[in-house]
C-alpha atoms as a PDB file:
ATOM      1  CA  LYS A   1      -5.323  -5.539 -21.251  1.00  0.00           C
ATOM      2  CA  PHE A   2      -6.019  -6.645 -17.719  1.00  0.00           C
ATOM      3  CA  ALA A   3      -6.046 -10.437 -18.049  1.00  0.00           C
ATOM      4  CA  ALA A   4      -2.465 -10.990 -16.869  1.00  0.00           C
ATOM      5  CA  VAL A   5      -2.834  -8.718 -13.845  1.00  0.00           C
ATOM      6  CA  ALA A   6      -6.294 -10.091 -13.076  1.00  0.00           C
ATOM      7  CA  GLU A   7      -4.966 -13.636 -12.973  1.00  0.00           C
ATOM      8  CA  THR A   8      -2.158 -12.715 -10.565  1.00  0.00           C
ATOM      9  CA  VAL A   9      -4.633 -11.212  -8.072  1.00  0.00           C
ATOM     10  CA  GLY A  10      -6.954 -14.207  -8.201  1.00  0.00           C
ATOM     11  CA  LEU A  11      -9.682 -12.957 -10.514  1.00  0.00           C
ATOM     12  CA  SER A  12     -11.231 -15.811 -12.447  1.00  0.00           C
ATOM     13  CA  TYR A  13     -11.609 -15.580 -16.214  1.00  0.00           C
ATOM     14  CA  GLU A  14     -15.383 -15.840 -15.865  1.00  0.00           C
ATOM     15  CA  TYR A  15     -15.538 -12.989 -13.364  1.00  0.00           C
ATOM     16  CA  ALA A  16     -13.167 -10.868 -15.452  1.00  0.00           C
ATOM     17  CA  THR A  17     -15.196 -11.221 -18.641  1.00  0.00           C
ATOM     18  CA  ALA A  18     -18.459 -10.590 -16.794  1.00  0.00           C
ATOM     19  CA  ALA A  19     -17.004  -7.484 -15.137  1.00  0.00           C
ATOM     20  CA  LEU A  20     -15.698  -6.168 -18.456  1.00  0.00           C
ATOM     21  CA  ALA A  21     -19.039  -6.711 -20.189  1.00  0.00           C
ATOM     22  CA  THR A  22     -21.059  -5.206 -17.343  1.00  0.00           C
ATOM     23  CA  ILE A  23     -18.873  -2.126 -16.933  1.00  0.00           C
ATOM     24  CA  THR A  24     -18.707  -1.557 -20.691  1.00  0.00           C
ATOM     25  CA  ASP A  25     -22.483  -1.840 -20.983  1.00  0.00           C
ATOM     26  CA  THR A  26     -23.184   0.387 -17.981  1.00  0.00           C
ATOM     27  CA  THR A  27     -20.646   3.134 -18.694  1.00  0.00           C
ATOM     28  CA  ARG A  28     -20.740   2.985 -22.512  1.00  0.00           C
ATOM     29  CA  GLN A  29     -16.933   3.192 -22.439  1.00  0.00           C
ATOM     30  CA  SER A  30     -14.945   1.083 -24.876  1.00  0.00           C
ATOM     31  CA  ALA A  31     -13.590  -2.273 -23.754  1.00  0.00           C
ATOM     32  CA  ASP A  32     -10.106  -0.795 -24.214  1.00  0.00           C
ATOM     33  CA  VAL A  33     -10.796   2.041 -21.747  1.00  0.00           C
ATOM     34  CA  VAL A  34     -12.477  -0.264 -19.229  1.00  0.00           C
ATOM     35  CA  GLY A  35      -9.727  -2.890 -19.547  1.00  0.00           C
ATOM     36  CA  ASN A  36      -7.062  -0.281 -18.893  1.00  0.00           C
ATOM     37  CA  ALA A  37      -8.926   0.997 -15.829  1.00  0.00           C
ATOM     38  CA  LEU A  38      -9.314  -2.535 -14.471  1.00  0.00           C
ATOM     39  CA  LYS A  39      -5.632  -3.239 -15.106  1.00  0.00           C
ATOM     40  CA  THR A  40      -4.690  -0.181 -13.048  1.00  0.00           C
ATOM     41  CA  LEU A  41      -7.124  -1.092 -10.272  1.00  0.00           C
ATOM     42  CA  PHE A  42      -5.875  -4.663 -10.011  1.00  0.00           C
ATOM     43  CA  ALA A  43      -2.225  -3.624 -10.139  1.00  0.00           C
ATOM     44  CA  ARG A  44      -2.812  -1.196  -7.277  1.00  0.00           C
ATOM     45  CA  ILE A  45      -4.652  -3.780  -5.220  1.00  0.00           C
ATOM     46  CA  GLN A  46      -1.829  -6.226  -5.851  1.00  0.00           C
ATOM     47  CA  GLY A  47       0.535  -3.505  -4.647  1.00  0.00           C
ATOM     48  CA  LEU A  48      -1.304  -3.440  -1.308  1.00  0.00           C
ATOM     49  CA  LYS A  49       0.184  -6.819  -0.531  1.00  0.00           C
ATOM     50  CA  LEU A  50       3.629  -5.634  -1.485  1.00  0.00           C
ATOM     51  CA  GLY A  51       3.450  -2.424   0.581  1.00  0.00           C
ATOM     52  CA  GLU A  52       4.334  -0.347  -2.458  1.00  0.00           C
ATOM     53  CA  THR A  53       4.318   3.402  -2.837  1.00  0.00           C
ATOM     54  CA  LEU A  54       3.285   4.856  -6.181  1.00  0.00           C
ATOM     55  CA  GLU A  55       5.546   7.131  -8.168  1.00  0.00           C
ATOM     56  CA  ASP A  56       3.454  10.099  -7.006  1.00  0.00           C
ATOM     57  CA  GLY A  57       4.161   9.193  -3.367  1.00  0.00           C
ATOM     58  CA  VAL A  58       0.749   7.685  -2.597  1.00  0.00           C
ATOM     59  CA  ASP A  59       1.073   4.822  -0.137  1.00  0.00           C
ATOM     60  CA  LEU A  60      -1.116   1.977  -1.315  1.00  0.00           C
ATOM     61  CA  ASN A  61      -2.151   1.261   2.271  1.00  0.00           C
ATOM     62  CA  LYS A  62      -4.394   4.305   1.742  1.00  0.00           C
ATOM     63  CA  TYR A  63      -6.517   2.213  -0.626  1.00  0.00           C
ATOM     64  CA  SER A  64      -6.586  -0.715   1.756  1.00  0.00           C
ATOM     65  CA  ALA A  65      -7.711   1.592   4.563  1.00  0.00           C
ATOM     66  CA  ALA A  66     -10.444   3.089   2.365  1.00  0.00           C
ATOM     67  CA  LEU A  67     -11.795  -0.350   1.505  1.00  0.00           C
ATOM     68  CA  LYS A  68     -11.578  -1.451   5.138  1.00  0.00           C
ATOM     69  CA  ALA A  69     -13.519   1.665   6.174  1.00  0.00           C
ATOM     70  CA  VAL A  70     -16.481   0.420   4.146  1.00  0.00           C
ATOM     71  CA  GLY A  71     -16.093  -3.125   5.456  1.00  0.00           C
ATOM     72  CA  VAL A  72     -14.000  -4.765   2.741  1.00  0.00           C
ATOM     73  CA  ASP A  73     -10.735  -6.450   3.713  1.00  0.00           C
ATOM     74  CA  VAL A  74      -8.214  -7.036   0.928  1.00  0.00           C
ATOM     75  CA  LEU A  75      -5.960  -9.209   3.072  1.00  0.00           C
ATOM     76  CA  THR A  76      -6.643 -12.417   4.965  1.00  0.00           C
ATOM     77  CA  ALA A  77      -5.968 -12.744   8.688  1.00  0.00           C
ATOM     78  CA  ASN A  78      -2.559 -14.169   7.683  1.00  0.00           C
ATOM     79  CA  GLY A  79      -1.720 -11.053   5.643  1.00  0.00           C
ATOM     80  CA  GLU A  80      -2.189 -12.730   2.265  1.00  0.00           C
ATOM     81  CA  LEU A  81      -4.000 -10.941  -0.548  1.00  0.00           C
ATOM     82  CA  ARG A  82      -7.538 -12.308  -0.881  1.00  0.00           C
ATOM     83  CA  ASN A  83      -8.790 -13.487  -4.267  1.00  0.00           C
ATOM     84  CA  MET A  84     -10.055 -10.588  -6.325  1.00  0.00           C
ATOM     85  CA  ASP A  85     -13.377 -12.381  -6.910  1.00  0.00           C
ATOM     86  CA  ASP A  86     -13.979 -12.282  -3.148  1.00  0.00           C
ATOM     87  CA  ILE A  87     -12.870  -8.659  -2.739  1.00  0.00           C
ATOM     88  CA  LEU A  88     -15.127  -7.494  -5.569  1.00  0.00           C
ATOM     89  CA  ASN A  89     -18.064  -9.566  -4.290  1.00  0.00           C
ATOM     90  CA  ASP A  90     -17.689  -7.982  -0.845  1.00  0.00           C
ATOM     91  CA  LEU A  91     -17.488  -4.511  -2.368  1.00  0.00           C
ATOM     92  CA  ALA A  92     -20.513  -5.177  -4.587  1.00  0.00           C
ATOM     93  CA  ALA A  93     -22.532  -6.231  -1.543  1.00  0.00           C
ATOM     94  CA  LYS A  94     -21.780  -2.878   0.106  1.00  0.00           C
ATOM     95  CA  TRP A  95     -21.982  -0.707  -3.014  1.00  0.00           C
ATOM     96  CA  ASP A  96     -25.500   0.651  -2.356  1.00  0.00           C
ATOM     97  CA  THR A  97     -24.472   1.803   1.135  1.00  0.00           C
ATOM     98  CA  ILE A  98     -21.348   3.677  -0.002  1.00  0.00           C
ATOM     99  CA  GLY A  99     -21.673   7.409  -0.606  1.00  0.00           C
ATOM    100  CA  LYS A 100     -19.782   9.429  -3.209  1.00  0.00           C
ATOM    101  CA  ALA A 101     -17.338  10.749  -0.603  1.00  0.00           C
ATOM    102  CA  GLU A 102     -16.457   7.204   0.401  1.00  0.00           C
END
């Protein structure tokens, strides 16, 4: 479900399959549920680059700001969307320091 979106945001096939397997194993959710969640996540992160606003009025820069607040940049210094592998690796490195509110 998320392979096409994952590829457009720079997530490698290897990383995508590892993420799917890990999340499915950890959460005990079906691969279908996890794949749909990842598809939504990646589509929203891709929307950060495009400056989109969701149908419910949420500005996607809100997500970029939240990630930046915990030390994860989704854009390069040139304003290009970073590869998803790199974004997720940065977030994983900070995961143990992030509280539930964050």
